[in-house]
Amino acid sequence: MPRLRGWAFTAAHVFDGPAKVVVRVEAPGMRREDFRIELHGHVLTVWGEKRIHQAGAVGRWHIARHAYGPLRRDLSLATAVDAYNSKAIYRDGVLRIELPKSDAVRGRAIALHLA
């Protein structure tokens, strides 16, 4: 994995359900346009660019928070997914990526007929 300069870490959670894999990436203060999502084999990569500047005052203190720079998360998925029917939603500082499992992984019920 290439080394990134500056702020690059963000929390991510992977949920492996029966029909889909759901990935949640915490990225408050970003915009939808700041993300790029790619899937290569079993590796999901989320790229982004943080540009956050917050300033305010608390009592006699002036507080300024800055977070600038690239972020990247490479998440290894334990199962094959269908990239073409996947979707991503960014709301309230959380990027949610839903990846349906491929038919080969999900399996199928086999009907039993009496002979």
N, C-alpha and C. Protein backbone atom coordinates (compact mmCIF):
# COMPACT_ATOMS: atom_id res chain seq x y z
N MET A 1 0.85 -1.17 0.00
CA MET A 1 0.00 0.00 0.00
C MET A 1 0.89 1.23 0.00
N PRO A 2 0.60 2.22 -0.86
CA PRO A 2 1.44 3.43 -0.88
C PRO A 2 1.27 4.22 0.40
N ARG A 3 2.34 4.88 0.78
CA ARG A 3 2.33 5.69 1.99
C ARG A 3 1.74 7.06 1.67
N LEU A 4 0.82 7.52 2.50
CA LEU A 4 0.18 8.81 2.29
C LEU A 4 0.73 9.82 3.28
N ARG A 5 0.88 11.04 2.86
CA ARG A 5 1.32 12.09 3.75
C ARG A 5 0.11 12.77 4.37
N GLY A 6 0.24 13.22 5.61
CA GLY A 6 -0.84 13.96 6.25
C GLY A 6 -1.88 13.04 6.83
N TRP A 7 -3.05 13.60 7.05
CA TRP A 7 -4.16 12.91 7.69
C TRP A 7 -4.71 11.86 6.75
N ALA A 8 -4.76 10.60 7.16
CA ALA A 8 -5.19 9.57 6.23
C ALA A 8 -6.04 8.48 6.85
N PHE A 9 -6.28 8.49 8.14
CA PHE A 9 -6.99 7.39 8.78
C PHE A 9 -8.44 7.75 9.04
N THR A 10 -9.33 6.82 8.79
CA THR A 10 -10.74 6.98 9.10
C THR A 10 -11.30 5.62 9.49
N ALA A 11 -12.26 5.61 10.41
CA ALA A 11 -12.83 4.35 10.89
C ALA A 11 -13.71 3.71 9.82
N ALA A 12 -13.65 2.38 9.74
CA ALA A 12 -14.47 1.64 8.79
C ALA A 12 -14.94 0.35 9.45
N HIS A 13 -16.17 -0.06 9.11
CA HIS A 13 -16.76 -1.28 9.64
C HIS A 13 -17.31 -2.10 8.47
N VAL A 14 -17.10 -3.41 8.52
CA VAL A 14 -17.59 -4.30 7.47
C VAL A 14 -18.54 -5.31 8.11
N PHE A 15 -19.77 -5.37 7.58
CA PHE A 15 -20.78 -6.31 8.05
C PHE A 15 -21.06 -7.32 6.95
N ASP A 16 -20.88 -8.59 7.24
CA ASP A 16 -21.09 -9.65 6.25
C ASP A 16 -22.43 -10.32 6.53
N GLY A 17 -23.46 -9.90 5.79
CA GLY A 17 -24.80 -10.45 5.97
C GLY A 17 -25.04 -11.62 5.04
N PRO A 18 -26.22 -12.23 5.12
CA PRO A 18 -26.51 -13.39 4.28
C PRO A 18 -26.60 -13.07 2.79
N ALA A 19 -27.06 -11.88 2.43
CA ALA A 19 -27.24 -11.55 1.01
C ALA A 19 -26.33 -10.43 0.52
N LYS A 20 -25.75 -9.66 1.45
CA LYS A 20 -24.90 -8.54 1.02
C LYS A 20 -23.87 -8.22 2.10
N VAL A 21 -22.83 -7.52 1.64
CA VAL A 21 -21.81 -6.99 2.53
C VAL A 21 -22.06 -5.50 2.62
N VAL A 22 -22.09 -4.98 3.85
CA VAL A 22 -22.31 -3.55 4.06
C VAL A 22 -21.05 -2.97 4.71
N VAL A 23 -20.52 -1.91 4.09
CA VAL A 23 -19.34 -1.24 4.60
C VAL A 23 -19.75 0.17 5.03
N ARG A 24 -19.37 0.55 6.25
CA ARG A 24 -19.63 1.90 6.76
C ARG A 24 -18.30 2.57 7.03
N VAL A 25 -18.09 3.74 6.43
CA VAL A 25 -16.86 4.51 6.62
C VAL A 25 -17.24 5.84 7.25
N GLU A 26 -16.66 6.14 8.40
CA GLU A 26 -16.93 7.41 9.08
C GLU A 26 -16.06 8.49 8.45
N ALA A 27 -16.70 9.51 7.91
CA ALA A 27 -15.99 10.60 7.24
C ALA A 27 -16.78 11.90 7.40
N PRO A 28 -16.88 12.42 8.63
CA PRO A 28 -17.68 13.62 8.85
C PRO A 28 -17.09 14.86 8.16
N GLY A 29 -17.99 15.72 7.72
CA GLY A 29 -17.57 16.99 7.13
C GLY A 29 -17.18 16.93 5.67
N MET A 30 -17.26 15.77 5.06
CA MET A 30 -16.90 15.66 3.66
C MET A 30 -18.14 15.80 2.78
N ARG A 31 -17.90 15.94 1.50
CA ARG A 31 -18.99 16.00 0.53
C ARG A 31 -18.97 14.75 -0.33
N ARG A 32 -20.08 14.48 -0.94
CA ARG A 32 -20.20 13.30 -1.81
C ARG A 32 -19.14 13.32 -2.92
N GLU A 33 -18.85 14.50 -3.43
CA GLU A 33 -17.88 14.64 -4.53
C GLU A 33 -16.45 14.36 -4.09
N ASP A 34 -16.20 14.30 -2.79
CA ASP A 34 -14.85 14.08 -2.27
C ASP A 34 -14.43 12.61 -2.29
N PHE A 35 -15.34 11.69 -2.63
CA PHE A 35 -15.06 10.26 -2.56
C PHE A 35 -14.87 9.63 -3.92
N ARG A 36 -14.08 8.56 -3.95
CA ARG A 36 -13.97 7.67 -5.10
C ARG A 36 -13.93 6.25 -4.53
N ILE A 37 -14.72 5.36 -5.09
CA ILE A 37 -14.83 4.00 -4.57
C ILE A 37 -14.51 3.03 -5.71
N GLU A 38 -13.62 2.08 -5.43
CA GLU A 38 -13.22 1.10 -6.43
C GLU A 38 -13.24 -0.30 -5.82
N LEU A 39 -13.53 -1.29 -6.66
CA LEU A 39 -13.49 -2.68 -6.23
C LEU A 39 -12.61 -3.44 -7.20
N HIS A 40 -11.56 -4.07 -6.67
CA HIS A 40 -10.65 -4.89 -7.47
C HIS A 40 -10.56 -6.25 -6.80
N GLY A 41 -11.21 -7.23 -7.39
CA GLY A 41 -11.24 -8.56 -6.78
C GLY A 41 -11.97 -8.52 -5.45
N HIS A 42 -11.28 -8.89 -4.39
CA HIS A 42 -11.87 -8.88 -3.05
C HIS A 42 -11.45 -7.67 -2.23
N VAL A 43 -10.88 -6.66 -2.88
CA VAL A 43 -10.41 -5.47 -2.16
C VAL A 43 -11.24 -4.26 -2.56
N LEU A 44 -11.91 -3.67 -1.57
CA LEU A 44 -12.69 -2.44 -1.77
C LEU A 44 -11.81 -1.28 -1.31
N THR A 45 -11.62 -0.30 -2.19
CA THR A 45 -10.80 0.87 -1.86
C THR A 45 -11.68 2.11 -1.85
N VAL A 46 -11.59 2.86 -0.78
CA VAL A 46 -12.30 4.14 -0.66
C VAL A 46 -11.24 5.23 -0.58
N TRP A 47 -11.28 6.12 -1.55
CA TRP A 47 -10.36 7.26 -1.61
C TRP A 47 -11.15 8.51 -1.26
N GLY A 48 -10.46 9.50 -0.73
CA GLY A 48 -11.13 10.76 -0.46
C GLY A 48 -10.14 11.87 -0.19
N GLU A 49 -10.66 13.06 -0.10
CA GLU A 49 -9.85 14.25 0.21
C GLU A 49 -10.57 15.03 1.29
N LYS A 50 -9.91 15.13 2.45
CA LYS A 50 -10.48 15.88 3.58
C LYS A 50 -10.11 17.35 3.43
N ARG A 51 -11.11 18.21 3.57
CA ARG A 51 -10.89 19.66 3.56
C ARG A 51 -11.80 20.27 4.62
N ILE A 52 -11.45 20.12 5.88
CA ILE A 52 -12.30 20.60 6.96
C ILE A 52 -11.61 21.71 7.73
N HIS A 53 -12.31 22.79 7.92
CA HIS A 53 -11.82 23.89 8.74
C HIS A 53 -12.97 24.33 9.63
N GLN A 54 -12.77 24.25 10.93
CA GLN A 54 -13.78 24.68 11.89
C GLN A 54 -13.13 25.67 12.85
N ALA A 55 -13.80 26.74 13.10
CA ALA A 55 -13.30 27.73 14.06
C ALA A 55 -14.45 28.15 14.96
N GLY A 56 -14.11 28.47 16.20
CA GLY A 56 -15.14 28.90 17.13
C GLY A 56 -14.50 29.36 18.42
N ALA A 57 -15.33 29.77 19.33
CA ALA A 57 -14.85 30.27 20.61
C ALA A 57 -15.60 29.57 21.73
N VAL A 58 -14.86 29.23 22.78
CA VAL A 58 -15.42 28.65 23.98
C VAL A 58 -14.90 29.48 25.14
N GLY A 59 -15.76 30.29 25.72
CA GLY A 59 -15.31 31.19 26.79
C GLY A 59 -14.29 32.16 26.25
N ARG A 60 -13.11 32.16 26.87
CA ARG A 60 -12.04 33.06 26.42
C ARG A 60 -11.10 32.38 25.42
N TRP A 61 -11.40 31.14 25.07
CA TRP A 61 -10.53 30.39 24.18
C TRP A 61 -11.04 30.44 22.74
N HIS A 62 -10.13 30.63 21.81
CA HIS A 62 -10.45 30.53 20.39
C HIS A 62 -9.96 29.17 19.92
N ILE A 63 -10.85 28.39 19.31
CA ILE A 63 -10.51 27.03 18.89
C ILE A 63 -10.61 26.93 17.37
N ALA A 64 -9.57 26.38 16.77
CA ALA A 64 -9.56 26.14 15.32
C ALA A 64 -9.16 24.69 15.08
N ARG A 65 -9.95 23.99 14.29
CA ARG A 65 -9.66 22.59 13.95
C ARG A 65 -9.51 22.50 12.43
N HIS A 66 -8.47 21.80 12.03
CA HIS A 66 -8.22 21.63 10.60
C HIS A 66 -7.94 20.16 10.32
N ALA A 67 -8.44 19.67 9.21
CA ALA A 67 -8.13 18.31 8.75
C ALA A 67 -8.08 18.38 7.23
N TYR A 68 -6.88 18.37 6.69
CA TYR A 68 -6.70 18.44 5.26
C TYR A 68 -5.85 17.27 4.81
N GLY A 69 -6.13 16.78 3.64
CA GLY A 69 -5.28 15.76 3.07
C GLY A 69 -6.04 14.55 2.57
N PRO A 70 -5.31 13.65 1.94
CA PRO A 70 -5.94 12.47 1.35
C PRO A 70 -6.24 11.41 2.40
N LEU A 71 -7.27 10.61 2.11
CA LEU A 71 -7.53 9.44 2.93
C LEU A 71 -7.74 8.27 1.99
N ARG A 72 -7.39 7.10 2.50
CA ARG A 72 -7.57 5.89 1.71
C ARG A 72 -7.77 4.73 2.67
N ARG A 73 -8.77 3.93 2.39
CA ARG A 73 -8.99 2.69 3.15
C ARG A 73 -9.08 1.55 2.16
N ASP A 74 -8.26 0.54 2.35
CA ASP A 74 -8.33 -0.70 1.57
C ASP A 74 -8.94 -1.75 2.49
N LEU A 75 -10.09 -2.25 2.10
CA LEU A 75 -10.81 -3.23 2.91
C LEU A 75 -10.89 -4.55 2.16
N SER A 76 -10.36 -5.58 2.77
CA SER A 76 -10.38 -6.90 2.16
C SER A 76 -11.72 -7.56 2.49
N LEU A 77 -12.45 -7.95 1.45
CA LEU A 77 -13.75 -8.59 1.63
C LEU A 77 -13.57 -10.10 1.63
N ALA A 78 -14.27 -10.77 2.50
CA ALA A 78 -14.12 -12.22 2.65
C ALA A 78 -14.89 -13.01 1.61
N THR A 79 -15.71 -12.34 0.81
CA THR A 79 -16.56 -13.05 -0.15
C THR A 79 -16.64 -12.26 -1.45
N ALA A 80 -17.01 -12.93 -2.53
CA ALA A 80 -17.17 -12.27 -3.83
C ALA A 80 -18.48 -11.47 -3.84
N VAL A 81 -18.43 -10.27 -4.39
CA VAL A 81 -19.61 -9.42 -4.45
C VAL A 81 -19.89 -8.99 -5.89
N ASP A 82 -21.10 -8.50 -6.11
CA ASP A 82 -21.55 -8.04 -7.43
C ASP A 82 -21.34 -6.53 -7.51
N ALA A 83 -20.26 -6.10 -8.13
CA ALA A 83 -19.92 -4.67 -8.20
C ALA A 83 -20.94 -3.87 -9.00
N TYR A 84 -21.56 -4.47 -10.00
CA TYR A 84 -22.48 -3.74 -10.87
C TYR A 84 -23.80 -3.39 -10.20
N ASN A 85 -24.19 -4.12 -9.19
CA ASN A 85 -25.44 -3.83 -8.49
C ASN A 85 -25.20 -3.24 -7.10
N SER A 86 -24.01 -2.76 -6.86
CA SER A 86 -23.67 -2.15 -5.58
C SER A 86 -24.11 -0.69 -5.58
N LYS A 87 -24.26 -0.14 -4.37
CA LYS A 87 -24.63 1.27 -4.27
C LYS A 87 -23.94 1.88 -3.06
N ALA A 88 -23.74 3.19 -3.13
CA ALA A 88 -23.11 3.93 -2.04
C ALA A 88 -23.94 5.15 -1.71
N ILE A 89 -24.09 5.41 -0.41
CA ILE A 89 -24.87 6.55 0.08
C ILE A 89 -24.03 7.29 1.11
N TYR A 90 -23.95 8.61 1.00
CA TYR A 90 -23.24 9.41 2.00
C TYR A 90 -24.25 10.31 2.69
N ARG A 91 -24.39 10.11 4.02
CA ARG A 91 -25.36 10.90 4.77
C ARG A 91 -24.87 11.04 6.21
N ASP A 92 -25.01 12.24 6.75
CA ASP A 92 -24.68 12.52 8.15
C ASP A 92 -23.26 12.08 8.53
N GLY A 93 -22.30 12.28 7.63
CA GLY A 93 -20.92 11.98 7.93
C GLY A 93 -20.52 10.52 7.81
N VAL A 94 -21.43 9.68 7.30
CA VAL A 94 -21.14 8.25 7.16
C VAL A 94 -21.36 7.82 5.71
N LEU A 95 -20.34 7.20 5.13
CA LEU A 95 -20.45 6.62 3.80
C LEU A 95 -20.85 5.16 3.97
N ARG A 96 -21.99 4.78 3.38
CA ARG A 96 -22.50 3.40 3.47
C ARG A 96 -22.46 2.79 2.08
N ILE A 97 -21.76 1.69 1.96
CA ILE A 97 -21.61 0.99 0.68
C ILE A 97 -22.25 -0.38 0.82
N GLU A 98 -23.23 -0.67 -0.03
CA GLU A 98 -23.92 -1.96 -0.01
C GLU A 98 -23.49 -2.76 -1.23
N LEU A 99 -22.93 -3.93 -0.98
CA LEU A 99 -22.40 -4.79 -2.04
C LEU A 99 -23.12 -6.14 -1.99
N PRO A 100 -24.06 -6.38 -2.92
CA PRO A 100 -24.74 -7.68 -2.92
C PRO A 100 -23.74 -8.80 -3.21
N LYS A 101 -23.91 -9.91 -2.53
CA LYS A 101 -23.04 -11.06 -2.78
C LYS A 101 -23.36 -11.63 -4.15
N SER A 102 -22.35 -12.16 -4.79
CA SER A 102 -22.58 -12.74 -6.12
C SER A 102 -23.40 -14.02 -5.96
N ASP A 103 -24.12 -14.38 -7.01
CA ASP A 103 -25.00 -15.55 -6.96
C ASP A 103 -24.23 -16.82 -6.60
N ALA A 104 -23.00 -16.93 -7.07
CA ALA A 104 -22.21 -18.13 -6.78
C ALA A 104 -21.95 -18.27 -5.29
N VAL A 105 -21.82 -17.16 -4.58
CA VAL A 105 -21.54 -17.19 -3.15
C VAL A 105 -22.81 -17.41 -2.35
N ARG A 106 -23.91 -16.76 -2.76
CA ARG A 106 -25.16 -16.86 -2.02
C ARG A 106 -25.72 -18.27 -1.99
N GLY A 107 -25.54 -18.99 -3.08
CA GLY A 107 -26.09 -20.33 -3.16
C GLY A 107 -27.55 -20.31 -3.55
N ARG A 108 -28.10 -21.46 -3.76
CA ARG A 108 -29.51 -21.57 -4.14
C ARG A 108 -30.12 -22.76 -3.46
N ALA A 109 -31.40 -22.66 -3.23
CA ALA A 109 -32.13 -23.81 -2.69
C ALA A 109 -32.38 -24.79 -3.83
N ILE A 110 -32.31 -26.03 -3.52
CA ILE A 110 -32.58 -27.07 -4.52
C ILE A 110 -33.89 -27.75 -4.15
N ALA A 111 -34.82 -27.70 -5.07
CA ALA A 111 -36.12 -28.32 -4.83
C ALA A 111 -35.99 -29.83 -4.82
N LEU A 112 -36.65 -30.45 -3.87
CA LEU A 112 -36.62 -31.89 -3.75
C LEU A 112 -37.93 -32.47 -4.27
N HIS A 113 -37.85 -33.30 -5.27
CA HIS A 113 -39.02 -33.93 -5.85
C HIS A 113 -39.04 -35.41 -5.46
N LEU A 114 -40.20 -35.90 -5.09
CA LEU A 114 -40.32 -37.32 -4.76
C LEU A 114 -40.35 -38.16 -6.02
N ALA A 115 -39.65 -39.26 -6.01
CA ALA A 115 -39.58 -40.12 -7.19
C ALA A 115 -40.69 -41.15 -7.17
